[in-house]
Protein backbone atom coordinates (compact mmCIF):
# COMPACT_ATOMS: atom_id res chain seq x y z
CA MET A 1 11.51 -16.10 28.46
CA LYS A 2 7.97 -14.81 28.11
CA PRO A 3 6.82 -13.55 24.71
CA LEU A 4 6.25 -9.83 24.32
CA SER A 5 2.71 -10.19 22.94
CA GLY A 6 0.29 -7.40 23.68
CA LYS A 7 2.75 -4.79 24.92
CA ILE A 8 3.59 -1.50 23.25
CA PHE A 9 7.06 -0.03 23.64
CA ASP A 10 8.30 3.38 22.64
CA ASN A 11 11.97 4.07 21.86
CA MET A 12 12.94 4.79 25.44
CA THR A 13 11.41 1.57 26.75
CA MET A 14 12.87 -0.69 24.11
CA GLN A 15 16.37 0.71 24.42
CA THR A 16 16.47 0.06 28.14
CA THR A 17 14.64 -3.28 28.23
CA ASN A 18 17.64 -5.65 28.25
CA THR A 19 16.19 -8.47 30.32
CA THR A 20 14.06 -9.72 27.43
CA LEU A 21 17.04 -10.26 25.13
CA PRO A 22 18.48 -13.76 24.68
CA SER A 23 21.79 -14.63 26.30
CA ALA A 24 23.26 -16.37 23.24
CA SER A 25 26.44 -14.70 22.00
CA ALA A 26 25.10 -14.10 18.47
CA ALA A 27 22.07 -12.29 19.84
CA GLU A 28 24.08 -10.26 22.34
CA ALA A 29 26.58 -9.18 19.71
CA LEU A 30 23.82 -8.17 17.29
CA ALA A 31 21.91 -6.31 20.03
CA ASN A 32 25.05 -4.36 20.93
CA ARG A 33 25.62 -3.37 17.28
CA ILE A 34 21.98 -2.31 16.96
CA ARG A 35 22.14 -0.11 20.08
CA ALA A 36 25.39 1.46 18.88
CA ARG A 37 23.86 1.94 15.38
CA THR A 38 26.91 0.18 13.92
CA ALA A 39 24.83 -2.70 12.53
CA LYS A 40 24.84 -2.70 8.71
CA ALA A 41 21.24 -2.67 7.47
CA SER A 42 19.84 -3.73 4.12
CA VAL A 43 16.48 -3.43 2.38
CA ILE A 44 15.48 -5.75 -0.46
CA GLY A 45 13.00 -3.93 -2.71
CA LEU A 46 13.17 -0.16 -3.14
CA GLY A 47 9.55 0.72 -3.89
CA TYR A 48 6.87 2.61 -1.94
CA VAL A 49 7.70 0.58 1.19
CA GLY A 50 11.41 -0.13 0.90
CA LEU A 51 12.75 3.30 -0.02
CA PRO A 52 11.02 5.18 2.86
CA LEU A 53 12.16 2.45 5.27
CA ALA A 54 15.76 2.66 4.03
CA THR A 55 15.64 6.43 4.41
CA GLU A 56 14.40 6.23 8.00
CA LEU A 57 17.09 3.67 8.85
CA GLY A 58 19.69 6.06 7.47
CA ARG A 59 18.16 8.96 9.39
CA ALA A 60 18.46 6.90 12.59
CA GLY A 61 22.22 6.52 12.02
CA PHE A 62 22.46 3.10 10.39
CA SER A 63 24.43 2.51 7.20
CA VAL A 64 21.92 1.09 4.73
CA VAL A 65 22.24 -0.65 1.40
CA GLY A 66 19.19 -1.08 -0.81
CA ILE A 67 18.94 -3.99 -3.22
CA ASP A 68 16.70 -3.99 -6.28
CA LYS A 69 16.58 -5.44 -9.79
CA ASP A 70 15.58 -2.10 -11.31
CA GLU A 71 18.73 -0.35 -12.52
CA SER A 72 16.97 3.02 -12.68
CA LYS A 73 16.20 2.84 -8.94
CA ILE A 74 19.78 1.90 -8.11
CA GLU A 75 21.07 4.80 -10.19
CA ALA A 76 18.64 7.21 -8.55
CA VAL A 77 19.76 6.20 -5.04
CA ARG A 78 23.41 6.50 -6.00
CA ASN A 79 22.75 10.00 -7.34
CA GLY A 80 20.84 10.97 -4.20
CA ARG A 81 17.57 11.41 -6.09
CA SER A 82 14.34 10.29 -4.44
CA TYR A 83 11.71 8.89 -6.80
CA ILE A 84 9.08 8.38 -4.08
CA PRO A 85 7.09 11.57 -3.26
CA ASP A 86 6.81 10.66 0.44
CA VAL A 87 10.60 10.61 0.86
CA GLU A 88 12.01 14.03 1.72
CA SER A 89 14.37 14.95 -1.13
CA ASN A 90 16.86 17.00 0.91
CA LEU A 91 17.22 14.35 3.59
CA PHE A 92 17.56 11.62 0.97
CA SER A 93 20.32 13.42 -0.91
CA GLU A 94 22.16 14.20 2.34
CA LEU A 95 22.10 10.55 3.40
CA ALA A 96 23.33 9.42 -0.01
CA ALA A 97 26.10 12.02 -0.05
CA ALA A 98 27.22 10.94 3.43
CA GLY A 99 27.37 7.28 2.37
CA LYS A 100 24.63 6.32 4.82
CA LEU A 101 22.35 5.22 1.99
CA THR A 102 23.69 3.20 -0.93
CA ALA A 103 22.20 0.76 -3.43
CA SER A 104 23.26 -2.29 -5.39
CA LEU A 105 22.07 -4.73 -8.01
CA ASP A 106 24.43 -7.33 -6.50
CA ALA A 107 22.89 -9.35 -3.65
CA SER A 108 26.36 -10.41 -2.44
CA VAL A 109 26.43 -7.21 -0.34
CA LEU A 110 24.11 -9.10 2.02
CA ALA A 111 27.12 -11.06 3.25
CA GLU A 112 28.25 -7.93 5.08
CA CYS A 113 24.83 -7.00 6.47
CA ASP A 114 23.49 -7.56 9.97
CA THR A 115 19.83 -6.88 9.20
CA VAL A 116 17.69 -7.54 6.13
CA SER A 117 14.21 -6.09 5.59
CA ILE A 118 12.34 -7.72 2.71
CA CYS A 119 9.96 -5.26 1.01
CA VAL A 120 9.11 -6.89 -2.32
CA PRO A 121 5.73 -6.92 -4.12
CA THR A 122 3.11 -9.58 -3.36
CA PRO A 123 0.56 -9.39 -6.17
CA LEU A 124 -2.33 -11.71 -6.90
CA ARG A 125 -2.46 -14.06 -9.84
CA LYS A 126 -5.41 -13.81 -12.21
CA THR A 127 -6.97 -16.69 -10.25
CA LYS A 128 -6.88 -14.51 -7.07
CA ASP A 129 -4.32 -16.74 -5.34
CA PRO A 130 -1.06 -15.30 -3.93
CA ASP A 131 1.94 -14.84 -6.18
CA MET A 132 4.79 -15.70 -3.83
CA SER A 133 7.52 -15.59 -6.48
CA PHE A 134 8.99 -12.24 -5.39
CA ILE A 135 9.21 -13.30 -1.74
CA MET A 136 10.73 -16.67 -2.58
CA ASP A 137 13.24 -15.14 -5.00
CA ALA A 138 14.34 -12.69 -2.30
CA THR A 139 14.58 -15.53 0.22
CA ALA A 140 16.75 -17.59 -2.15
CA LEU A 141 19.08 -14.63 -2.65
CA LEU A 142 19.29 -14.07 1.08
CA ALA A 143 19.88 -17.75 1.90
CA ALA A 144 23.10 -17.73 -0.12
CA PHE A 145 24.56 -15.08 2.20
CA LEU A 146 22.91 -15.98 5.52
CA HIS A 147 25.36 -15.88 8.42
CA PRO A 148 25.23 -16.12 12.21
CA GLY A 149 23.95 -13.01 13.93
CA MET A 150 21.70 -11.90 11.08
CA LEU A 151 18.19 -10.46 11.59
CA ILE A 152 15.66 -10.98 8.77
CA ILE A 153 12.33 -9.14 8.75
CA LEU A 154 9.69 -9.80 6.10
CA GLU A 155 7.49 -6.74 5.48
CA SER A 156 5.68 -7.83 2.31
CA THR A 157 1.98 -8.44 2.89
CA THR A 158 1.14 -12.12 2.72
CA TYR A 159 -1.03 -14.88 4.18
CA PRO A 160 -0.66 -16.09 7.79
CA GLY A 161 1.99 -18.78 7.97
CA THR A 162 4.25 -17.52 5.17
CA THR A 163 7.23 -16.64 7.38
CA GLU A 164 7.36 -19.99 9.14
CA GLU A 165 6.06 -22.25 6.37
CA ALA A 166 7.80 -20.79 3.31
CA ILE A 167 10.80 -18.70 4.40
CA LEU A 168 12.07 -20.48 7.51
CA PRO A 169 12.69 -23.89 5.87
CA VAL A 170 14.78 -22.27 3.11
CA LEU A 171 16.92 -20.40 5.62
CA GLU A 172 17.36 -23.37 7.96
CA ASN A 173 18.70 -25.45 5.07
CA SER A 174 21.94 -23.60 5.81
CA GLY A 175 22.26 -25.53 9.06
CA LEU A 176 21.80 -22.39 11.15
CA LYS A 177 19.08 -22.43 13.80
CA VAL A 178 16.44 -19.75 14.09
CA GLY A 179 16.35 -17.92 17.42
CA GLN A 180 19.90 -18.98 18.14
CA ASP A 181 22.07 -18.34 15.09
CA PHE A 182 19.79 -16.03 13.12
CA PHE A 183 16.55 -14.19 13.87
CA LEU A 184 13.42 -14.16 11.72
CA CYS A 185 10.41 -11.83 12.08
CA PHE A 186 7.42 -10.48 10.24
CA SER A 187 6.47 -6.81 10.44
CA PRO A 188 3.58 -5.62 8.24
CA GLU A 189 4.15 -2.47 6.23
CA ARG A 190 1.54 0.19 6.88
CA VAL A 191 2.51 2.76 4.28
CA ASP A 192 -0.20 5.17 3.15
CA PRO A 193 1.24 6.98 0.10
CA GLY A 194 0.48 10.68 0.03
CA ASN A 195 -0.57 10.88 3.68
CA PRO A 196 0.87 14.16 5.06
CA THR A 197 0.37 13.16 8.70
CA PHE A 198 1.33 9.51 9.05
CA HIS A 199 4.53 8.15 7.56
CA THR A 200 7.02 5.34 8.13
CA ARG A 201 8.47 6.66 11.38
CA ASN A 202 5.32 7.63 13.28
CA ILE A 203 3.02 4.74 12.30
CA PRO A 204 3.17 2.15 15.13
CA LYS A 205 5.30 -0.79 14.00
CA VAL A 206 3.88 -4.26 14.69
CA ILE A 207 6.43 -7.07 14.78
CA GLY A 208 6.31 -10.77 15.62
CA GLY A 209 9.14 -13.30 15.58
CA VAL A 210 9.40 -17.04 15.05
CA THR A 211 10.69 -17.27 18.63
CA PRO A 212 10.55 -14.82 21.56
CA GLN A 213 14.25 -14.17 20.97
CA CYS A 214 13.51 -13.19 17.39
CA THR A 215 10.75 -10.83 18.51
CA SER A 216 13.05 -9.19 21.06
CA ILE A 217 15.84 -8.56 18.57
CA GLY A 218 13.43 -7.38 15.88
CA ALA A 219 11.63 -5.01 18.25
CA LEU A 220 14.94 -3.64 19.52
CA PHE A 221 16.06 -2.92 15.96
CA TYR A 222 12.93 -1.12 14.84
CA SER A 223 12.70 0.80 18.11
CA GLN A 224 15.86 2.64 17.05
CA VAL A 225 13.93 3.94 14.04
CA MET A 226 10.19 4.05 14.78
CA ASP A 227 8.37 6.14 17.37
CA THR A 228 6.36 3.15 18.60
CA VAL A 229 6.96 -0.60 18.33
CA VAL A 230 4.20 -3.12 19.03
CA PRO A 231 5.58 -6.65 19.63
CA VAL A 232 3.15 -9.56 19.21
CA GLY A 233 3.46 -13.22 20.10
CA SER A 234 4.19 -14.78 16.69
CA THR A 235 4.76 -14.14 13.01
CA ARG A 236 1.25 -15.47 12.30
CA VAL A 237 -0.32 -12.82 14.52
CA ALA A 238 1.71 -10.09 12.80
CA GLU A 239 0.78 -11.43 9.36
CA MET A 240 -2.90 -11.52 10.31
CA VAL A 241 -2.83 -7.96 11.66
CA LYS A 242 -2.24 -6.43 8.22
CA LEU A 243 -4.89 -8.60 6.60
CA LEU A 244 -7.44 -7.65 9.26
CA GLU A 245 -6.70 -3.95 8.80
CA ASN A 246 -7.28 -3.97 5.05
CA THR A 247 -10.10 -6.52 5.11
CA PHE A 248 -11.89 -4.24 7.59
CA ARG A 249 -11.54 -1.35 5.16
CA MET A 250 -12.50 -3.38 2.11
CA ILE A 251 -15.65 -4.75 3.70
CA ASN A 252 -16.77 -1.38 5.06
CA ILE A 253 -16.11 0.31 1.72
CA GLY A 254 -18.17 -2.48 0.17
CA LEU A 255 -21.00 -1.65 2.57
CA ALA A 256 -20.76 2.06 1.66
CA ASN A 257 -20.84 1.16 -2.02
CA GLU A 258 -23.89 -1.05 -1.56
CA VAL A 259 -25.64 1.74 0.36
CA ALA A 260 -24.81 4.03 -2.59
CA LEU A 261 -26.42 1.54 -4.97
CA MET A 262 -29.52 1.34 -2.78
CA CYS A 263 -29.77 5.11 -2.37
CA ASP A 264 -29.47 5.52 -6.14
CA ARG A 265 -32.46 3.22 -6.63
CA MET A 266 -34.51 5.19 -4.08
CA GLY A 267 -33.46 8.65 -5.20
CA ILE A 268 -31.65 9.46 -1.94
CA GLY A 269 -28.36 11.37 -1.75
CA VAL A 270 -25.90 8.89 -0.23
CA TRP A 271 -23.32 11.55 0.66
CA GLU A 272 -25.82 13.48 2.76
CA VAL A 273 -26.88 10.24 4.47
CA ILE A 274 -23.31 9.37 5.43
CA ASP A 275 -22.45 12.88 6.60
CA ALA A 276 -25.53 12.95 8.80
CA ALA A 277 -24.84 9.49 10.23
CA ALA A 278 -21.25 10.57 11.00
CA THR A 279 -22.54 13.16 13.48
CA LYS A 280 -23.24 10.32 15.90
CA PRO A 281 -20.39 10.51 18.45
CA PHE A 282 -20.23 6.75 19.07
CA GLY A 283 -20.92 3.47 17.32
CA PHE A 284 -20.42 4.75 13.76
CA MET A 285 -17.33 5.24 11.60
CA PRO A 286 -17.91 6.84 8.20
CA PHE A 287 -16.73 5.03 5.06
CA TYR A 288 -17.45 6.49 1.68
CA PRO A 289 -18.49 5.03 -1.67
CA GLY A 290 -16.50 5.47 -4.85
CA PRO A 291 -15.79 4.13 -8.32
CA GLY A 292 -14.13 0.99 -6.93
CA LEU A 293 -11.07 -0.11 -4.98
CA GLY A 294 -7.52 0.71 -5.98
CA GLY A 295 -3.93 0.48 -4.85
CA HIS A 296 -1.61 -2.31 -3.80
CA CYS A 297 -3.32 -3.19 -0.51
CA ILE A 298 -7.10 -3.01 -0.11
CA PRO A 299 -8.06 -4.74 -3.39
CA VAL A 300 -5.39 -7.41 -2.87
CA ASP A 301 -4.74 -8.22 0.78
CA PRO A 302 -8.16 -9.67 1.71
CA HIS A 303 -7.74 -12.26 -1.05
CA TYR A 304 -4.62 -13.56 0.69
CA LEU A 305 -6.73 -14.24 3.75
CA SER A 306 -9.56 -15.66 1.65
CA TRP A 307 -7.20 -18.03 -0.19
CA LYS A 308 -5.59 -19.24 3.04
CA ILE A 309 -8.79 -19.83 4.97
CA LYS A 310 -10.39 -21.71 2.08
CA GLN A 311 -7.60 -24.24 2.44
CA ALA A 312 -8.90 -24.88 5.95
CA GLY A 313 -12.40 -25.52 4.60
CA TYR A 314 -13.93 -22.20 5.64
CA GLU A 315 -15.84 -19.94 3.24
CA PRO A 316 -15.08 -16.23 3.89
CA ARG A 317 -18.46 -14.85 2.85
CA PHE A 318 -17.98 -11.24 3.90
CA ILE A 319 -14.77 -10.95 1.87
CA GLU A 320 -16.28 -12.55 -1.21
CA LEU A 321 -19.44 -10.42 -1.08
CA ALA A 322 -17.59 -7.15 -0.50
CA SER A 323 -15.19 -8.01 -3.33
CA HIS A 324 -18.12 -8.61 -5.66
CA ILE A 325 -19.84 -5.31 -4.76
CA ASN A 326 -16.64 -3.27 -5.03
CA GLY A 327 -15.82 -4.94 -8.34
CA GLN A 328 -19.15 -3.80 -9.80
CA MET A 329 -18.66 -0.11 -9.04
CA PRO A 330 -16.71 0.80 -12.23
CA PHE A 331 -19.61 -0.57 -14.27
CA PHE A 332 -22.06 1.39 -12.13
CA VAL A 333 -20.04 4.51 -12.95
CA ALA A 334 -20.27 3.68 -16.64
CA ASP A 335 -24.04 3.33 -16.20
CA LYS A 336 -24.09 6.75 -14.52
CA VAL A 337 -22.26 8.26 -17.49
CA GLN A 338 -24.74 6.66 -19.84
CA ALA A 339 -27.69 8.00 -17.83
CA ALA A 340 -26.18 11.51 -17.73
CA LEU A 341 -25.66 11.53 -21.50
CA ASN A 342 -29.19 10.20 -22.03
CA GLU A 343 -30.51 13.23 -20.16
CA HIS A 344 -28.96 15.29 -22.96
CA CYS A 345 -30.18 12.97 -25.72
CA LYS A 346 -26.70 11.62 -26.43
CA PRO A 347 -25.55 7.99 -26.65
CA VAL A 348 -22.31 6.81 -25.04
CA LYS A 349 -21.04 5.62 -28.40
CA GLY A 350 -19.29 8.48 -30.14
CA SER A 351 -19.53 10.83 -27.16
CA ARG A 352 -16.37 12.51 -25.88
CA VAL A 353 -15.91 11.38 -22.26
CA HIS A 354 -13.09 12.96 -20.28
CA ILE A 355 -11.77 11.18 -17.17
CA VAL A 356 -10.58 13.45 -14.35
CA GLY A 357 -7.92 11.61 -12.33
CA VAL A 358 -6.63 8.11 -13.07
CA ALA A 359 -4.37 7.41 -10.05
CA TYR A 360 -5.80 4.99 -7.51
CA LYS A 361 -6.07 7.72 -4.83
CA ARG A 362 -5.71 11.46 -4.56
CA ASP A 363 -2.34 13.19 -4.84
CA VAL A 364 -0.28 10.13 -5.85
CA SER A 365 0.99 8.86 -9.21
CA ASP A 366 0.33 5.18 -8.53
CA ILE A 367 -2.21 3.59 -10.91
CA ARG A 368 -1.97 0.03 -9.57
CA GLU A 369 -5.46 -1.51 -9.46
CA SER A 370 -6.93 1.96 -10.03
CA PRO A 371 -10.70 1.87 -10.59
CA ALA A 372 -10.16 4.47 -13.31
CA LEU A 373 -8.67 1.74 -15.49
CA GLU A 374 -11.85 -0.32 -15.22
CA VAL A 375 -14.05 2.74 -15.80
CA ILE A 376 -12.07 3.58 -18.94
CA ALA A 377 -12.28 -0.02 -20.15
CA ALA A 378 -16.05 -0.14 -19.57
CA LEU A 379 -16.63 3.13 -21.42
CA ASP A 380 -14.30 2.11 -24.23
CA GLN A 381 -16.34 -1.07 -24.75
CA ARG A 382 -19.45 1.11 -25.06
CA GLY A 383 -17.83 3.18 -27.79
CA ALA A 384 -16.95 6.37 -25.91
CA LEU A 385 -14.16 8.60 -27.24
CA LEU A 386 -11.89 8.83 -24.21
CA SER A 387 -9.38 11.33 -22.86
CA TYR A 388 -8.09 12.09 -19.37
CA SER A 389 -6.35 14.64 -17.17
CA ASP A 390 -4.15 13.76 -14.20
CA PRO A 391 -1.33 16.03 -12.97
CA PHE A 392 0.47 13.00 -11.52
CA VAL A 393 0.15 10.58 -14.47
CA PRO A 394 1.42 12.05 -17.77
CA GLU A 395 0.76 8.94 -19.88
CA LEU A 396 -1.56 5.96 -19.69
CA LYS A 397 -1.41 2.70 -21.62
CA LEU A 398 -4.12 0.06 -21.29
CA HIS A 399 -6.31 -2.21 -23.38
CA GLY A 400 -4.63 -1.10 -26.60
CA LEU A 401 -5.11 2.58 -25.79
CA THR A 402 -2.26 5.05 -25.36
CA LEU A 403 -3.44 8.33 -23.86
CA GLN A 404 -1.65 11.51 -22.82
CA SER A 405 -2.86 13.71 -19.98
CA GLN A 406 -4.71 16.74 -21.37
CA ASP A 407 -5.15 20.29 -20.16
CA LEU A 408 -8.19 19.92 -17.94
CA LYS A 409 -10.08 23.13 -18.72
CA GLN A 410 -9.65 22.78 -22.47
CA ALA A 411 -10.51 19.06 -22.50
CA ALA A 412 -13.55 19.63 -20.29
CA ALA A 413 -14.89 22.30 -22.63
CA GLN A 414 -14.49 19.96 -25.63
CA SER A 415 -16.09 16.97 -23.92
CA ASP A 416 -19.66 15.78 -23.78
CA CYS A 417 -19.19 14.55 -20.21
CA CYS A 418 -16.46 14.66 -17.55
CA VAL A 419 -16.11 11.92 -14.93
CA ILE A 420 -14.31 12.67 -11.65
CA VAL A 421 -12.72 9.35 -10.72
CA THR A 422 -9.80 10.57 -8.58
CA ASN A 423 -10.26 13.78 -6.60
CA HIS A 424 -6.77 15.28 -6.60
CA SER A 425 -6.51 18.29 -4.31
CA ASN A 426 -4.88 20.61 -6.86
CA VAL A 427 -7.83 20.56 -9.29
CA ASP A 428 -9.99 23.67 -9.67
CA TYR A 429 -13.36 21.94 -9.51
CA ALA A 430 -15.36 25.13 -9.86
CA ALA A 431 -13.57 25.88 -13.14
CA LEU A 432 -14.13 22.29 -14.23
CA LEU A 433 -17.85 22.56 -13.60
CA ASP A 434 -17.99 25.88 -15.44
CA ALA A 435 -16.25 24.43 -18.52
CA ALA A 436 -17.86 20.99 -18.75
CA PRO A 437 -21.36 20.39 -20.14
CA LEU A 438 -21.88 17.44 -17.76
CA VAL A 439 -19.97 16.10 -14.75
CA VAL A 440 -20.37 12.68 -13.16
CA ASP A 441 -18.86 13.01 -9.69
CA THR A 442 -17.88 9.68 -8.10
CA ARG A 443 -15.95 11.21 -5.17
CA ASN A 444 -18.20 14.03 -3.97
CA ALA A 445 -15.50 16.46 -5.10
CA LEU A 446 -18.24 18.96 -6.04
CA LYS A 447 -19.86 18.73 -2.61
CA SER A 448 -20.09 22.49 -2.10
CA LEU A 449 -21.33 23.20 -5.63
CA ARG A 450 -24.87 23.02 -6.99
CA SER A 451 -25.73 22.65 -10.66
CA ASP A 452 -28.08 20.69 -12.93
CA LYS A 453 -24.91 19.58 -14.75
CA ILE A 454 -23.76 17.45 -11.80
CA PHE A 455 -24.64 13.76 -11.57
CA ARG A 456 -23.45 12.40 -8.23
CA LEU A 457 -22.69 8.81 -7.34
């Protein structure tokens, strides 16, 4: 059988492409259950990736059980209450009420499942090497209930080789053979929280299996749910795809940030430069500077690739340089605040600095790796009296500080300087500028406004 690498299938194609499926009885039986939507699906990890995936599986007609260690998440699913903004509340509650979507703290439910999608966190250690503990814990749980005819798909972002080098040996200790008795794939999550246009179902789904049989079964399964499925030739290719996507973004954001640093030295408006360059209809893609990188992907994923390739004796210079530049941006913002206050004959120490937005990106509540945390820490070290407003984050605890979100207009009027770190769409920026004595804008949120009070990145 030829691998499916390089081909893109939509739902119609995948549902009628039977010749690529293996002839083994376990595979045939599983394929039949998948087509009939009678296969019992499970999702390990009910966060920003797992809960939307479980919801889409339920929408497609599968019975889904979610597994998580967080009792509050299990209780929310059982009560039909979505805790992820991107998951449609009405649909979620309907699926839960119909019994299509359930949740459990007990991993033994996996014994009754035909498919398992692993969507657990993959953070970095302080030494910037991968923390594989969540993946390996999930694999150990799964191995205890592995049975013939089961499809396992890892979605957690990781380094190339993880699926075959770390997960496969644990599962094959059962005596079952991959590609014959069970089927193992990797499919990178591509979730973009808060994106109103692209969501779990309509983002093309890349998938690669340990064997061609694994790829076929995995692609067939996700084609029941996703608008477009993109099979590739191996798990390593699929693992590398996600790392390339986010390394591309990280490096280009690093370039935009370095251009911002250069423009600042030369007295040139970087935002006007980028907007003008973006008018070129070919050969240029605009990336924008900011206070630093945030979220669970872009600041983290390239380091998985960097760590892996260093083991092969190669130095990933672009990744390391971009990481260094991006990591300096919160301190550059603190310098900007200091310069703005100096213009008004005020020191940072003792000045009231109000942070506008602390989530890692606009219109979400997630603060993981948010550059706002580093900006706050840098200003706190310089003696600033800090406060913040964020409609999505009611409380913030870091570096010994416990802060509550303040009324923006009132806090701005009482501040010496406001710093726009996250440009949420529901903020009245004109009112902010009117109330604040100074505004340092790191996101070009005040693009259409002109005032001597504005200090732009």
